[in-house]
Amino acid sequence: MVLTKARARKIAQSFSGVYEKPSYGTPAFFVGKKLFVQVGSHKREDIMLLTQTMEERDHLIAADPGTFYITDHFKNYKGLLARIDKLDGPTLRALLERRWRAVAPKKLQKETDAAKAKR
């Protein structure tokens, strides 16, 4: 199933400790004070994802250039863009899980993991 901007925002909001506030006029989601993901903007229907390394970013682009790409703005930055209409929910959730684990406080991660284990 093709992802929509509304569904992408809902997936981003489903992670513990995530809150939304605008960043440069774009809906952005944060964990604490750290940027988690940006979903769409008034100019485009893409998702701005942050990776841990340039290698990870470049690997995603090489593996699926129809979905992932960069503009000159991201040339020297560990971020990339993803076309929403080329992603599906499980793929976005997996990418965001990786990002959430990188930026969420360890205490929040432990609490979230414990709550999931009780289910």
Foldseek 3Di string as FASTA:
>chain_A
DFFFLVNLVVLQVVDPQWDWDDDPQFIWIDRPPHTQKTADHPVAGKIKHADPDCVVLVVVCVVCVVFWDADPVCPPGRIIIGHRRVDDDVVSNVRSVNSCVVHHDPVSVVVVVVVVVVD
